[in-house]
Amino acid sequence: MADRLYDVIVIGGGNAGLCAALTAREAGASVLLLESAPREWRGGNSQHTRNLRCMHDAPQDVLTDSYPEEEYWQDLKKVTGGITSENLARLAIRDSSHCRDWMRRHGVHFQPSLSGTLQLSRTNAFFLGGGKALVNAYYRSAERSGVNIRYEAPVDRLDLSHGRFVAAHLGGERIAAKACVVASGGFESNREWMREAWGQVGGEWVSDNFLIRGTRFNMGVLLKFLIGAGADAIGDPTQSHCVAIDARAPLYDGGICTRVDSVSLGIVVNKHAARFYDEGEDFWPKRYAIWGRLVAGQPGQIAYSVIDAKAIGRFMPPVFPPLEAQSLPELARKLGLDESGLARTVEEFNAACRGGTFDHTALDDCATSGLTPPKTHWARPIDTAPFYAYPLRPGITFTYLGVKVNEQAAVHFSGQPSPNLFAAGEIMAGNVLGKGYTAGVGMTIGTAFGRIAGAQAAAAVLQGKLRATA
């Protein structure tokens, strides 16, 4: 296989890489896809996803109402704090308005929003069977179309010549190609690099208390190589899709079922039983991905979501059951928290709640008064037994440090785009996501730039006019 000269090599077998491989093959290029994971773990973080954030101007099959480009852009701009490339962001947003027909042609099916996610029915299209089904559909389509796929094939370096791709090295094997798409993810599973990025507090490595929601195979090998080889870097190595997940989750591949969605329905306290942020700042799909970083900033990188019986049934339950108690002192003991400290925090919170009409589907008028930090929506006293708590740790899905690209997904070296090296997915997501997150946008970026990168790689090889990939 190494003796054959492929038109396009795609490195990485998640959503972005698969979209690139399928698009390049559709354009007539011969394609080799190299996936570092074994077949049973193929798909990177995409296997843990469940939806795609979609722009649309009218109701469409599983999507309700409308979600126009400008609203999508403003949502993204808000969560990133403006640390984003508007051109690249809008490119991805516009692609999301018409990519689903292409996805269906490759075997992906959609379903209406599930119970507990109905607030996303206007903005996000859910995959039938989740991300694993999407990944499997793309692999089946790739195999049928003639994409050559190799598993357990981690690429450790590239041969480059003045920003031009020449070959990929796979252990002792050298594989040449006319163009390359790098879609090998971030570095969240590289424990040493995470230590380097986050440093120490009080003699303890902060990132040692992180859990990795996604694949154990995202070691950042090619990201580090490319930056070292002169590719222009973009993004902060400490910024990531970082979610508050159950502290009892496994170190790797816990996926979406470990996420704790009860935060906005109660209070969150640290190991000193003190609140530290507004739990009701905004709708959960827009704010859930800030909570991992907030927990990372707390002593010991641990926190606890505390709710009462009124909250049960109003959020998607995670895989682990909550700790349960008939009184707050009992709950504090189970959590290892100071009993009087937790009681004082809850008493102060309860006294500050000013009533109103509770509505968890809207930015309601249930807020606190005179409390720091405030809770600006959905503030109801925690006063109805049984009481429940989930222990929280930062759960990293993917990191935002990446390589800089342009509208053609070409990797930049000293400000100049490569003629035949392209990037898609998490390895370039920092161009759009400087910080923060909103549900489903990672799949939007991967799908859009995977298709762009695949098309451009094929164009660089074939020098012909590509047919549209609408």
Protein backbone atom coordinates (compact mmCIF):
# COMPACT_ATOMS: atom_id res chain seq x y z
CA MET A 1 0.00 0.00 0.00
CA ALA A 2 2.90 2.35 0.73
CA ASP A 3 4.19 2.01 -2.84
CA ARG A 4 1.04 3.55 -4.31
CA LEU A 5 1.04 7.31 -4.78
CA TYR A 6 -2.31 8.60 -3.57
CA ASP A 7 -3.84 11.86 -4.66
CA VAL A 8 -4.95 12.75 -1.14
CA ILE A 9 -4.02 11.48 2.31
CA VAL A 10 -6.45 12.30 5.11
CA ILE A 11 -4.99 11.99 8.60
CA GLY A 12 -7.67 11.41 11.22
CA GLY A 13 -10.86 9.38 11.07
CA GLY A 14 -13.40 11.51 12.91
CA ASN A 15 -16.20 13.58 11.42
CA ALA A 16 -13.92 16.19 9.81
CA GLY A 17 -11.56 13.63 8.31
CA LEU A 18 -14.40 11.52 6.99
CA CYS A 19 -16.10 14.54 5.42
CA ALA A 20 -12.78 15.45 3.78
CA ALA A 21 -12.17 11.94 2.50
CA LEU A 22 -15.69 11.55 1.10
CA THR A 23 -15.61 14.96 -0.60
CA ALA A 24 -12.17 14.40 -2.14
CA ARG A 25 -13.29 11.00 -3.41
CA GLU A 26 -16.47 12.49 -4.87
CA ALA A 27 -14.26 14.90 -6.80
CA GLY A 28 -12.40 12.02 -8.38
CA ALA A 29 -9.27 11.87 -6.23
CA SER A 30 -7.79 8.64 -4.90
CA VAL A 31 -7.88 8.83 -1.10
CA LEU A 32 -6.11 7.11 1.78
CA LEU A 33 -7.53 7.71 5.26
CA LEU A 34 -5.23 7.04 8.23
CA GLU A 35 -6.95 6.53 11.58
CA SER A 36 -4.75 6.22 14.67
CA ALA A 37 -7.33 4.26 16.67
CA PRO A 38 -8.23 0.60 16.29
CA ARG A 39 -11.37 -0.04 14.25
CA GLU A 40 -13.55 -0.48 17.34
CA TRP A 41 -12.53 2.95 18.66
CA ARG A 42 -12.59 4.75 15.31
CA GLY A 43 -14.20 8.15 14.90
CA GLY A 44 -12.37 10.28 17.45
CA ASN A 45 -14.57 12.55 19.53
CA SER A 46 -17.28 12.45 16.87
CA GLN A 47 -18.51 9.10 18.20
CA HIS A 48 -19.57 10.92 21.39
CA THR A 49 -21.56 13.70 19.69
CA ARG A 50 -25.28 13.81 19.06
CA ASN A 51 -26.20 16.91 17.03
CA LEU A 52 -25.25 19.61 14.56
CA ARG A 53 -26.10 23.30 15.00
CA CYS A 54 -27.89 24.40 11.81
CA MET A 55 -28.74 27.73 10.24
CA HIS A 56 -32.19 27.70 8.60
CA ASP A 57 -34.69 30.36 7.58
CA ALA A 58 -37.86 28.28 7.98
CA PRO A 59 -38.95 25.00 9.60
CA GLN A 60 -37.14 22.00 8.10
CA ASP A 61 -37.98 18.37 8.90
CA VAL A 62 -36.51 17.94 12.43
CA LEU A 63 -35.87 21.68 12.93
CA THR A 64 -38.57 24.05 14.14
CA ASP A 65 -39.15 27.75 13.45
CA SER A 66 -36.05 29.48 12.02
CA TYR A 67 -32.45 30.12 13.06
CA PRO A 68 -31.07 32.78 10.71
CA GLU A 69 -27.42 33.44 10.03
CA GLU A 70 -27.23 36.63 12.07
CA GLU A 71 -28.68 35.04 15.20
CA TYR A 72 -26.32 32.08 14.87
CA TRP A 73 -23.38 34.47 14.47
CA GLN A 74 -24.42 36.54 17.47
CA ASP A 75 -24.75 33.40 19.60
CA LEU A 76 -21.25 32.33 18.58
CA LYS A 77 -19.83 35.80 19.04
CA LYS A 78 -21.28 35.97 22.55
CA VAL A 79 -19.88 32.67 23.80
CA THR A 80 -16.45 33.34 22.29
CA GLY A 81 -16.30 36.88 23.61
CA GLY A 82 -15.49 37.98 20.07
CA ILE A 83 -12.35 35.79 19.93
CA THR A 84 -13.22 34.32 16.56
CA SER A 85 -12.69 34.87 12.84
CA GLU A 86 -15.99 36.21 11.56
CA ASN A 87 -15.21 35.18 7.98
CA LEU A 88 -14.48 31.58 8.90
CA ALA A 89 -17.33 31.43 11.38
CA ARG A 90 -19.86 32.65 8.84
CA LEU A 91 -18.46 30.20 6.30
CA ALA A 92 -19.23 27.33 8.67
CA ILE A 93 -22.63 28.78 9.59
CA ARG A 94 -23.68 29.05 5.95
CA ASP A 95 -22.49 25.53 5.21
CA SER A 96 -24.69 24.25 8.04
CA SER A 97 -27.77 25.45 6.12
CA HIS A 98 -27.28 22.97 3.29
CA CYS A 99 -24.92 20.21 4.47
CA ARG A 100 -27.64 17.87 5.74
CA ASP A 101 -28.74 16.72 2.29
CA TRP A 102 -25.12 15.76 1.61
CA MET A 103 -24.96 13.98 4.97
CA ARG A 104 -28.12 12.02 4.18
CA ARG A 105 -26.63 10.89 0.87
CA HIS A 106 -23.86 9.31 2.90
CA GLY A 107 -26.25 7.46 5.19
CA VAL A 108 -26.74 9.86 8.10
CA HIS A 109 -30.28 10.04 9.49
CA PHE A 110 -31.80 12.68 11.75
CA GLN A 111 -34.43 12.60 14.48
CA PRO A 112 -36.45 15.17 16.45
CA SER A 113 -35.01 16.55 19.68
CA LEU A 114 -35.24 14.17 22.60
CA SER A 115 -36.99 14.79 25.89
CA GLY A 116 -34.72 17.02 27.93
CA THR A 117 -33.31 18.70 24.81
CA LEU A 118 -36.47 20.31 23.44
CA GLN A 119 -34.97 23.79 23.77
CA LEU A 120 -32.58 22.75 20.98
CA SER A 121 -35.30 21.82 18.49
CA ARG A 122 -34.95 25.20 16.77
CA THR A 123 -31.17 25.26 16.49
CA ASN A 124 -29.82 21.70 16.42
CA ALA A 125 -30.47 18.65 14.25
CA PHE A 126 -29.96 15.39 16.19
CA PHE A 127 -28.38 12.31 14.64
CA LEU A 128 -30.49 9.15 14.77
CA GLY A 129 -28.33 6.80 16.83
CA GLY A 130 -25.96 9.59 17.88
CA GLY A 131 -22.42 10.24 16.78
CA LYS A 132 -21.48 6.57 16.64
CA ALA A 133 -24.17 5.96 14.02
CA LEU A 134 -22.96 9.00 12.04
CA VAL A 135 -19.36 7.78 12.10
CA ASN A 136 -20.38 4.26 11.05
CA ALA A 137 -22.49 5.64 8.19
CA TYR A 138 -19.59 7.69 6.88
CA TYR A 139 -17.19 4.74 7.08
CA ARG A 140 -19.62 2.55 5.16
CA SER A 141 -19.97 5.23 2.50
CA ALA A 142 -16.19 5.72 2.35
CA GLU A 143 -15.61 1.99 1.87
CA ARG A 144 -18.26 1.79 -0.86
CA SER A 145 -16.79 4.77 -2.71
CA GLY A 146 -13.27 3.37 -2.76
CA VAL A 147 -11.56 5.32 0.03
CA ASN A 148 -8.72 3.20 1.38
CA ILE A 149 -8.79 3.07 5.19
CA ARG A 150 -6.04 2.01 7.58
CA TYR A 151 -6.59 1.66 11.33
CA GLU A 152 -3.98 1.79 14.08
CA ALA A 153 -2.06 4.10 11.79
CA PRO A 154 -0.75 7.03 13.88
CA VAL A 155 1.20 9.50 11.76
CA ASP A 156 4.11 10.99 13.73
CA ARG A 157 5.54 13.51 11.26
CA LEU A 158 5.28 14.93 7.76
CA ASP A 159 7.79 15.70 5.06
CA LEU A 160 7.31 19.36 4.13
CA SER A 161 9.09 21.56 1.62
CA HIS A 162 8.55 25.30 2.00
CA GLY A 163 5.01 24.76 3.26
CA ARG A 164 4.20 22.10 0.70
CA PHE A 165 3.21 18.61 1.81
CA VAL A 166 5.36 15.78 0.43
CA ALA A 167 4.78 12.66 2.55
CA ALA A 168 3.52 11.31 5.86
CA HIS A 169 5.54 9.08 8.18
CA LEU A 170 3.84 6.18 9.89
CA GLY A 171 6.40 4.61 12.19
CA GLY A 172 9.12 3.55 9.77
CA GLU A 173 6.83 3.80 6.76
CA ARG A 174 6.83 6.80 4.42
CA ILE A 175 3.66 7.45 2.41
CA ALA A 176 3.77 10.08 -0.31
CA ALA A 177 0.74 11.89 -1.73
CA LYS A 178 -0.05 14.91 -3.85
CA ALA A 179 -2.09 16.63 -1.13
CA CYS A 180 -2.95 16.11 2.53
CA VAL A 181 -5.76 16.96 4.95
CA VAL A 182 -4.79 16.93 8.62
CA ALA A 183 -7.82 16.23 10.81
CA SER A 184 -6.07 14.59 13.75
CA GLY A 185 -7.71 16.50 16.60
CA GLY A 186 -6.31 18.42 19.54
CA PHE A 187 -3.97 17.44 22.38
CA GLU A 188 -6.35 16.89 25.28
CA SER A 189 -5.21 13.28 25.90
CA ASN A 190 -1.53 14.26 26.09
CA ARG A 191 -1.16 14.50 29.87
CA GLU A 192 2.31 16.04 29.73
CA TRP A 193 1.25 18.76 27.29
CA MET A 194 -1.80 19.49 29.42
CA ARG A 195 0.46 19.86 32.46
CA GLU A 196 2.67 22.25 30.50
CA ALA A 197 -0.35 24.33 29.46
CA TRP A 198 -2.07 24.54 32.86
CA GLY A 199 0.88 24.52 35.25
CA GLN A 200 0.79 24.06 39.00
CA VAL A 201 -1.19 25.64 41.82
CA GLY A 202 -0.03 24.98 45.36
CA GLY A 203 2.40 22.33 44.15
CA GLU A 204 -0.34 20.36 42.38
CA TRP A 205 -0.63 19.95 38.62
CA VAL A 206 -4.04 21.43 37.79
CA SER A 207 -4.69 19.23 34.75
CA ASP A 208 -4.06 16.03 36.72
CA ASN A 209 -7.59 16.51 38.08
CA PHE A 210 -9.13 16.73 34.60
CA LEU A 211 -11.06 13.93 32.93
CA ILE A 212 -11.11 13.47 29.15
CA ARG A 213 -14.65 13.16 27.82
CA GLY A 214 -13.44 12.10 24.40
CA THR A 215 -10.95 9.83 22.70
CA ARG A 216 -7.70 8.76 24.32
CA PHE A 217 -6.03 8.92 20.89
CA ASN A 218 -5.91 12.73 20.56
CA MET A 219 -2.30 13.21 21.60
CA GLY A 220 -1.59 16.29 19.51
CA VAL A 221 1.41 14.71 17.79
CA LEU A 222 0.85 16.35 14.41
CA LEU A 223 -0.30 19.61 15.97
CA LYS A 224 3.00 19.84 17.85
CA PHE A 225 4.92 18.80 14.75
CA LEU A 226 3.26 21.40 12.52
CA ILE A 227 3.79 24.25 14.98
CA GLY A 228 7.42 23.18 15.34
CA ALA A 229 7.76 23.06 11.55
CA GLY A 230 6.66 26.67 11.20
CA ALA A 231 2.91 26.44 10.78
CA ASP A 232 1.14 29.50 12.18
CA ALA A 233 -0.53 28.66 15.49
CA ILE A 234 -3.79 30.10 16.73
CA GLY A 235 -5.55 29.82 20.07
CA ASP A 236 -4.78 29.53 23.76
CA PRO A 237 -3.58 26.08 24.90
CA THR A 238 -5.70 26.33 28.07
CA GLN A 239 -8.91 27.03 26.15
CA SER A 240 -11.03 24.04 25.27
CA HIS A 241 -14.48 22.54 25.13
CA CYS A 242 -14.47 21.96 28.86
CA VAL A 243 -17.62 20.70 30.55
CA ALA A 244 -18.50 20.00 34.16
CA ILE A 245 -18.86 16.22 34.26
CA ASP A 246 -19.44 13.68 36.99
CA ALA A 247 -16.26 13.26 39.03
CA ARG A 248 -16.89 9.50 38.99
CA ALA A 249 -16.49 9.33 35.20
CA PRO A 250 -13.64 7.32 33.62
CA LEU A 251 -10.43 9.05 32.62
CA TYR A 252 -11.17 8.66 28.88
CA ASP A 253 -14.19 8.22 26.62
CA GLY A 254 -16.91 8.98 29.17
CA GLY A 255 -18.75 10.85 26.46
CA ILE A 256 -21.94 12.83 26.74
CA CYS A 257 -23.60 10.56 29.32
CA THR A 258 -21.18 11.81 32.02
CA ARG A 259 -22.21 15.46 31.59
CA VAL A 260 -24.15 16.90 34.53
CA ASP A 261 -27.04 19.11 33.36
CA SER A 262 -28.53 20.01 36.74
CA VAL A 263 -26.40 23.13 37.27
CA SER A 264 -29.00 25.72 36.29
CA LEU A 265 -31.63 24.15 38.54
CA GLY A 266 -29.76 24.52 41.82
CA ILE A 267 -26.49 25.88 43.16
CA VAL A 268 -22.87 24.85 42.62
CA VAL A 269 -20.41 24.97 45.50
CA ASN A 270 -16.68 24.29 45.78
CA LYS A 271 -14.83 22.20 48.38
CA HIS A 272 -15.33 25.04 50.89
CA ALA A 273 -19.12 24.86 50.32
CA ALA A 274 -19.08 28.32 48.69
CA ARG A 275 -20.83 29.35 45.49
CA PHE A 276 -18.57 30.90 42.85
CA TYR A 277 -20.63 31.74 39.71
CA ASP A 278 -24.12 32.56 38.44
CA GLU A 279 -25.77 29.19 37.77
CA GLY A 280 -28.67 30.85 35.93
CA GLU A 281 -26.72 33.13 33.60
CA ASP A 282 -28.21 31.80 30.35
CA PHE A 283 -29.79 28.78 28.73
CA TRP A 284 -27.83 25.62 29.40
CA PRO A 285 -26.92 24.84 25.74
CA LYS A 286 -25.17 28.23 25.54
CA ARG A 287 -23.41 28.02 28.90
CA TYR A 288 -22.78 24.37 29.75
CA ALA A 289 -19.29 24.44 28.24
CA ILE A 290 -18.06 27.22 30.55
CA TRP A 291 -18.57 25.17 33.68
CA GLY A 292 -15.64 22.84 33.21
CA ARG A 293 -13.30 25.78 33.13
CA LEU A 294 -15.03 27.34 36.14
CA VAL A 295 -14.53 24.14 38.11
CA ALA A 296 -10.91 24.03 36.94
CA GLY A 297 -10.42 27.37 38.68
CA GLN A 298 -11.63 26.07 42.03
CA PRO A 299 -9.45 24.54 44.77
CA GLY A 300 -8.66 20.95 43.91
CA GLN A 301 -10.62 21.29 40.64
CA ILE A 302 -13.72 19.89 42.33
CA ALA A 303 -17.26 21.23 42.78
CA TYR A 304 -20.74 19.97 43.59
CA SER A 305 -24.10 20.59 41.91
CA VAL A 306 -26.70 20.72 44.71
CA ILE A 307 -30.42 20.44 43.95
CA ASP A 308 -33.59 19.42 45.73
CA ALA A 309 -36.60 17.29 44.84
CA LYS A 310 -38.18 20.08 42.76
CA ALA A 311 -35.44 19.74 40.13
CA ILE A 312 -35.85 16.03 39.49
CA GLY A 313 -37.26 15.28 36.05
CA ARG A 314 -36.31 18.69 34.62
CA PHE A 315 -32.87 17.74 33.23
CA MET A 316 -31.33 14.87 31.30
CA PRO A 317 -30.03 12.49 33.98
CA PRO A 318 -26.38 11.45 33.61
CA VAL A 319 -25.16 7.89 33.81
CA PHE A 320 -24.26 8.09 37.51
CA PRO A 321 -27.05 8.55 40.09
CA PRO A 322 -26.81 11.57 42.39
CA LEU A 323 -25.87 11.34 46.03
CA GLU A 324 -29.13 11.56 47.99
CA ALA A 325 -29.94 12.68 51.54
CA GLN A 326 -32.99 13.60 53.57
CA SER A 327 -31.26 16.65 55.05
CA LEU A 328 -28.53 19.10 54.07
CA PRO A 329 -26.22 18.08 56.95
CA GLU A 330 -26.46 14.46 55.78
CA LEU A 331 -25.73 15.54 52.20
CA ALA A 332 -22.71 17.56 53.35
CA ARG A 333 -21.32 14.53 55.17
CA LYS A 334 -21.72 12.37 52.08
CA LEU A 335 -19.85 14.98 50.03
CA GLY A 336 -17.14 15.51 52.62
CA LEU A 337 -18.13 19.18 52.98
CA ASP A 338 -18.35 21.26 56.13
CA GLU A 339 -21.94 20.89 57.38
CA SER A 340 -22.29 24.41 58.74
CA GLY A 341 -20.67 25.86 55.62
CA LEU A 342 -23.12 24.18 53.26
CA ALA A 343 -26.06 25.07 55.52
CA ARG A 344 -24.99 28.72 55.59
CA THR A 345 -24.57 28.87 51.80
CA VAL A 346 -28.01 27.35 51.20
CA GLU A 347 -29.66 29.59 53.82
CA GLU A 348 -28.17 32.72 52.24
CA PHE A 349 -29.22 31.57 48.78
CA ASN A 350 -32.76 30.71 49.89
CA ALA A 351 -33.17 34.06 51.64
CA ALA A 352 -32.05 35.90 48.48
CA CYS A 353 -34.56 34.16 46.16
CA ARG A 354 -37.24 36.69 45.18
CA GLY A 355 -39.87 34.43 43.70
CA GLY A 356 -41.39 35.00 40.28
CA THR A 357 -42.79 32.64 37.68
CA PHE A 358 -40.47 29.69 37.25
CA ASP A 359 -40.01 28.57 33.64
CA HIS A 360 -36.93 26.58 32.79
CA THR A 361 -37.66 26.93 29.05
CA ALA A 362 -37.36 30.73 29.18
CA LEU A 363 -35.17 33.39 30.77
CA ASP A 364 -37.62 33.71 33.63
CA ASP A 365 -37.91 36.28 36.44
CA CYS A 366 -36.83 33.98 39.28
CA ALA A 367 -33.67 35.71 40.45
CA THR A 368 -31.76 36.43 43.65
CA SER A 369 -31.40 39.86 45.22
CA GLY A 370 -28.38 41.12 47.13
CA LEU A 371 -26.40 37.92 46.68
CA THR A 372 -22.86 37.59 45.30
CA PRO A 373 -22.55 35.90 42.92
CA PRO A 374 -26.18 36.35 41.86
CA LYS A 375 -28.38 33.76 40.25
CA THR A 376 -30.17 35.68 37.52
CA HIS A 377 -32.73 33.08 36.38
CA TRP A 378 -34.37 29.91 37.71
CA ALA A 379 -33.54 30.78 41.33
CA ARG A 380 -35.77 28.79 43.66
CA PRO A 381 -35.08 27.93 47.30
CA ILE A 382 -33.42 24.59 47.93
CA ASP A 383 -35.86 23.48 50.60
CA THR A 384 -37.62 20.28 49.54
CA ALA A 385 -36.24 16.89 50.59
CA PRO A 386 -34.76 14.68 49.38
CA PHE A 387 -31.66 16.71 48.56
CA TYR A 388 -29.26 15.60 45.82
CA ALA A 389 -25.73 16.38 44.66
CA TYR A 390 -23.42 15.48 41.80
CA PRO A 391 -19.63 15.79 42.26
CA LEU A 392 -18.07 17.68 39.34
CA ARG A 393 -14.69 17.64 37.62
CA PRO A 394 -13.53 19.47 34.47
CA GLY A 395 -14.20 17.23 31.47
CA ILE A 396 -12.11 18.15 28.41
CA THR A 397 -13.60 17.26 25.05
CA PHE A 398 -11.12 18.99 22.76
CA THR A 399 -8.51 21.73 22.96
CA TYR A 400 -8.60 24.97 20.94
CA LEU A 401 -4.92 25.49 20.20
CA GLY A 402 -4.55 24.79 16.51
CA VAL A 403 -3.10 25.79 13.16
CA LYS A 404 -4.24 28.88 11.33
CA VAL A 405 -6.20 28.37 8.12
CA ASN A 406 -7.95 30.49 5.52
CA GLU A 407 -11.32 30.16 3.77
CA GLN A 408 -9.87 27.29 1.69
CA ALA A 409 -8.79 25.45 4.88
CA ALA A 410 -5.15 25.80 3.79
CA VAL A 411 -2.60 25.67 6.61
CA HIS A 412 -0.59 28.88 6.92
CA PHE A 413 3.18 29.08 7.21
CA SER A 414 4.53 32.56 8.01
CA GLY A 415 1.26 34.07 6.81
CA GLN A 416 1.21 32.17 3.52
CA PRO A 417 -1.24 29.37 2.72
CA SER A 418 0.14 25.98 1.78
CA PRO A 419 -0.68 24.91 -1.77
CA ASN A 420 -1.52 21.34 -0.78
CA LEU A 421 -1.76 20.97 3.01
CA PHE A 422 -5.18 21.55 4.56
CA ALA A 423 -6.67 21.21 8.04
CA ALA A 424 -10.15 20.46 9.32
CA GLY A 425 -11.90 19.82 12.62
CA GLU A 426 -10.46 20.26 16.07
CA ILE A 427 -6.91 20.91 14.87
CA MET A 428 -8.16 24.20 13.36
CA ALA A 429 -11.29 24.87 15.43
CA GLY A 430 -9.47 27.62 17.37
CA ASN A 431 -9.85 29.82 14.29
CA VAL A 432 -13.57 29.94 15.11
CA LEU A 433 -13.60 29.04 18.81
CA GLY A 434 -11.20 31.28 20.70
CA LYS A 435 -13.02 30.36 23.88
CA GLY A 436 -16.46 29.19 24.97
CA TYR A 437 -18.86 26.93 23.13
CA THR A 438 -22.46 26.54 22.09
CA ALA A 439 -24.07 23.15 21.57
CA GLY A 440 -23.41 21.47 18.22
CA VAL A 441 -20.99 24.02 16.77
CA GLY A 442 -18.01 21.65 16.87
CA MET A 443 -19.76 19.36 14.41
CA THR A 444 -20.64 22.40 12.29
CA ILE A 445 -16.97 23.38 12.08
CA GLY A 446 -15.83 19.83 11.37
CA THR A 447 -18.44 19.21 8.70
CA ALA A 448 -17.93 22.54 6.93
CA PHE A 449 -14.14 22.58 6.95
CA GLY A 450 -13.89 18.85 6.33
CA ARG A 451 -15.83 19.30 3.12
CA ILE A 452 -13.88 22.44 2.19
CA ALA A 453 -10.52 20.78 2.89
CA GLY A 454 -11.45 17.66 0.92
CA ALA A 455 -12.62 19.71 -2.04
CA GLN A 456 -9.54 21.92 -2.01
CA ALA A 457 -7.16 18.98 -1.65
CA ALA A 458 -8.77 17.32 -4.66
CA ALA A 459 -8.61 20.59 -6.59
CA ALA A 460 -4.90 20.98 -5.78
CA VAL A 461 -4.34 17.53 -7.28
CA LEU A 462 -6.73 17.45 -10.18
CA GLN A 463 -6.48 21.10 -11.23
CA GLY A 464 -10.02 20.79 -12.50
CA LYS A 465 -13.25 22.51 -11.73
CA LEU A 466 -14.92 20.71 -8.84
CA ARG A 467 -18.53 19.89 -9.05
CA ALA A 468 -20.57 21.43 -6.30
CA THR A 469 -21.00 19.55 -3.04
CA ALA A 470 -24.31 21.03 -2.11
